[in-house]
C-alpha atoms as a PDB file:
ATOM      1  CA  MET A   1      -0.007   0.208   0.163  1.00  0.00           C
ATOM      2  CA  GLY A   2       3.094   2.154  -0.226  1.00  0.00           C
ATOM      3  CA  ALA A   3       4.030   3.596  -3.539  1.00  0.00           C
ATOM      4  CA  LEU A   4       1.915   3.919  -6.751  1.00  0.00           C
ATOM      5  CA  SER A   5       2.486   1.305  -9.349  1.00  0.00           C
ATOM      6  CA  PRO A   6       3.113   2.244 -12.891  1.00  0.00           C
ATOM      7  CA  THR A   7      -0.804   0.893 -13.693  1.00  0.00           C
ATOM      8  CA  HIS A   8      -1.965   3.438 -11.149  1.00  0.00           C
ATOM      9  CA  TRP A   9       0.023   6.178 -12.966  1.00  0.00           C
ATOM     10  CA  LEU A  10      -1.463   5.470 -16.091  1.00  0.00           C
ATOM     11  CA  ILE A  11      -4.960   5.590 -14.654  1.00  0.00           C
ATOM     12  CA  ILE A  12      -4.225   8.974 -13.145  1.00  0.00           C
ATOM     13  CA  VAL A  13      -2.700  10.215 -16.407  1.00  0.00           C
ATOM     14  CA  ALA A  14      -5.900   8.849 -18.477  1.00  0.00           C
ATOM     15  CA  VAL A  15      -8.271  10.626 -15.880  1.00  0.00           C
ATOM     16  CA  LEU A  16      -6.357  13.871 -16.261  1.00  0.00           C
ATOM     17  CA  VAL A  17      -6.361  13.936 -19.796  1.00  0.00           C
ATOM     18  CA  LEU A  18      -9.997  12.979 -19.886  1.00  0.00           C
ATOM     19  CA  LEU A  19     -10.727  15.936 -17.316  1.00  0.00           C
ATOM     20  CA  PHE A  20      -8.763  18.535 -18.876  1.00  0.00           C
ATOM     21  CA  GLY A  21      -7.930  17.650 -22.388  1.00  0.00           C
ATOM     22  CA  ALA A  22      -4.622  17.277 -24.321  1.00  0.00           C
ATOM     23  CA  LYS A  23      -4.352  20.980 -25.131  1.00  0.00           C
ATOM     24  CA  ARG A  24      -4.750  22.257 -21.521  1.00  0.00           C
ATOM     25  CA  LEU A  25      -2.435  19.876 -19.846  1.00  0.00           C
ATOM     26  CA  PRO A  26       0.803  21.578 -21.184  1.00  0.00           C
ATOM     27  CA  ASP A  27      -0.423  24.847 -20.033  1.00  0.00           C
ATOM     28  CA  ALA A  28      -1.160  23.668 -16.723  1.00  0.00           C
ATOM     29  CA  ALA A  29       2.210  22.221 -16.392  1.00  0.00           C
ATOM     30  CA  ARG A  30       3.915  25.278 -17.333  1.00  0.00           C
ATOM     31  CA  SER A  31       1.830  27.258 -14.989  1.00  0.00           C
ATOM     32  CA  LEU A  32       2.806  24.760 -12.079  1.00  0.00           C
ATOM     33  CA  GLY A  33       6.179  25.360 -12.846  1.00  0.00           C
ATOM     34  CA  ARG A  34       5.913  29.032 -12.854  1.00  0.00           C
ATOM     35  CA  SER A  35       4.450  28.655  -9.501  1.00  0.00           C
ATOM     36  CA  ALA A  36       7.074  26.457  -8.136  1.00  0.00           C
ATOM     37  CA  ARG A  37       9.883  29.057  -9.293  1.00  0.00           C
ATOM     38  CA  ILE A  38       7.983  31.850  -7.722  1.00  0.00           C
ATOM     39  CA  LEU A  39       7.667  30.075  -4.450  1.00  0.00           C
ATOM     40  CA  LYS A  40      11.149  29.025  -4.457  1.00  0.00           C
ATOM     41  CA  SER A  41      12.691  32.629  -5.165  1.00  0.00           C
ATOM     42  CA  GLU A  42      10.390  33.968  -2.369  1.00  0.00           C
ATOM     43  CA  VAL A  43      11.516  31.288   0.200  1.00  0.00           C
ATOM     44  CA  LYS A  44      15.034  31.972  -0.746  1.00  0.00           C
ATOM     45  CA  GLU A  45      14.481  35.908  -0.158  1.00  0.00           C
ATOM     46  CA  LEU A  46      13.180  34.774   3.515  1.00  0.00           C
ATOM     47  CA  HIS A  47      16.687  33.122   4.302  1.00  0.00           C
ATOM     48  CA  PRO A  48      19.961  35.518   4.740  1.00  0.00           C
ATOM     49  CA  GLU A  49      21.991  35.372   1.590  1.00  0.00           C
ATOM     50  CA  SER A  50      24.902  33.707   3.048  1.00  0.00           C
ATOM     51  CA  LYS A  51      25.561  31.806   6.347  1.00  0.00           C
ATOM     52  CA  ASP A  52      28.608  33.715   7.182  1.00  0.00           C
ATOM     53  CA  GLU A  53      26.892  37.057   7.532  1.00  0.00           C
ATOM     54  CA  PRO A  54      24.675  37.492  10.501  1.00  0.00           C
ATOM     55  CA  ALA A  55      21.216  38.364   9.627  1.00  0.00           C
ATOM     56  CA  PRO A  56      20.592  42.081  10.472  1.00  0.00           C
ATOM     57  CA  PRO A  57      18.911  42.575  13.645  1.00  0.00           C
ATOM     58  CA  ALA A  58      15.120  43.184  13.524  1.00  0.00           C
ATOM     59  CA  ALA A  59      13.915  46.522  14.949  1.00  0.00           C
ATOM     60  CA  GLN A  60      11.596  45.862  17.664  1.00  0.00           C
ATOM     61  CA  ALA A  61       8.938  48.260  18.732  1.00  0.00           C
ATOM     62  CA  PRO A  62       8.403  48.393  22.367  1.00  0.00           C
ATOM     63  CA  PRO A  63       4.921  46.430  23.293  1.00  0.00           C
ATOM     64  CA  ALA A  64       2.127  48.697  22.755  1.00  0.00           C
ATOM     65  CA  ALA A  65      -0.038  49.391  25.985  1.00  0.00           C
ATOM     66  CA  ILE A  66      -3.090  47.408  26.213  1.00  0.00           C
ATOM     67  CA  PRO A  67      -6.217  49.539  27.168  1.00  0.00           C
ATOM     68  CA  PRO A  68      -8.176  48.285  30.233  1.00  0.00           C
ATOM     69  CA  VAL A  69     -11.089  46.006  29.604  1.00  0.00           C
ATOM     70  CA  THR A  70     -14.459  47.205  30.689  1.00  0.00           C
ATOM     71  CA  PRO A  71     -16.807  44.410  31.940  1.00  0.00           C
ATOM     72  CA  VAL A  72     -19.901  43.790  29.960  1.00  0.00           C
ATOM     73  CA  VAL A  73     -22.825  43.104  31.827  1.00  0.00           C
ATOM     74  CA  ALA A  74     -25.303  40.640  30.067  1.00  0.00           C
ATOM     75  CA  THR A  75     -28.779  41.751  30.557  1.00  0.00           C
ATOM     76  CA  PRO A  76     -31.233  38.797  30.227  1.00  0.00           C
ATOM     77  CA  ALA A  77     -33.453  38.617  27.012  1.00  0.00           C
ATOM     78  CA  PRO A  78     -37.261  39.484  27.413  1.00  0.00           C
ATOM     79  CA  VAL A  79     -39.393  36.353  27.794  1.00  0.00           C
ATOM     80  CA  VAL A  80     -41.963  35.905  24.812  1.00  0.00           C
ATOM     81  CA  GLU A  81     -44.762  33.651  24.964  1.00  0.00           C
ATOM     82  CA  PRO A  82     -45.699  31.464  21.968  1.00  0.00           C
ATOM     83  CA  VAL A  83     -48.457  32.817  20.077  1.00  0.00           C
ATOM     84  CA  SER A  84     -51.208  30.069  19.219  1.00  0.00           C
ATOM     85  CA  THR A  85     -52.506  30.150  15.465  1.00  0.00           C
ATOM     86  CA  GLU A  86     -55.799  28.079  16.377  1.00  0.00           C
ATOM     87  CA  LYS A  87     -58.967  29.884  16.687  1.00  0.00           C
ATOM     88  CA  LYS A  88     -60.751  29.678  19.822  1.00  0.00           C
ATOM     89  CA  VAL A  89     -64.423  28.686  19.705  1.00  0.00           C
ATOM     90  CA  GLY A  90     -66.410  29.783  22.449  1.00  0.00           C
END
């Protein structure tokens, strides 16, 4: 139950061709490749350029003062009695 066998891959490819068509699959693969390149470049920008140079220290702002919390008192909802739709005979 581990890896997919070649038969499984052929079924997956056949289903993809049936769903998207032979014309759209190359475009989808190209788009996926572009997205992967963009993701890779963005992740690379997050890390420092070289391991020899220390990362510049991040400027930390002093913690903001938290305003005091005012307690909220819940008022009970008014009791509403159900209205009967039956006509009273009498």
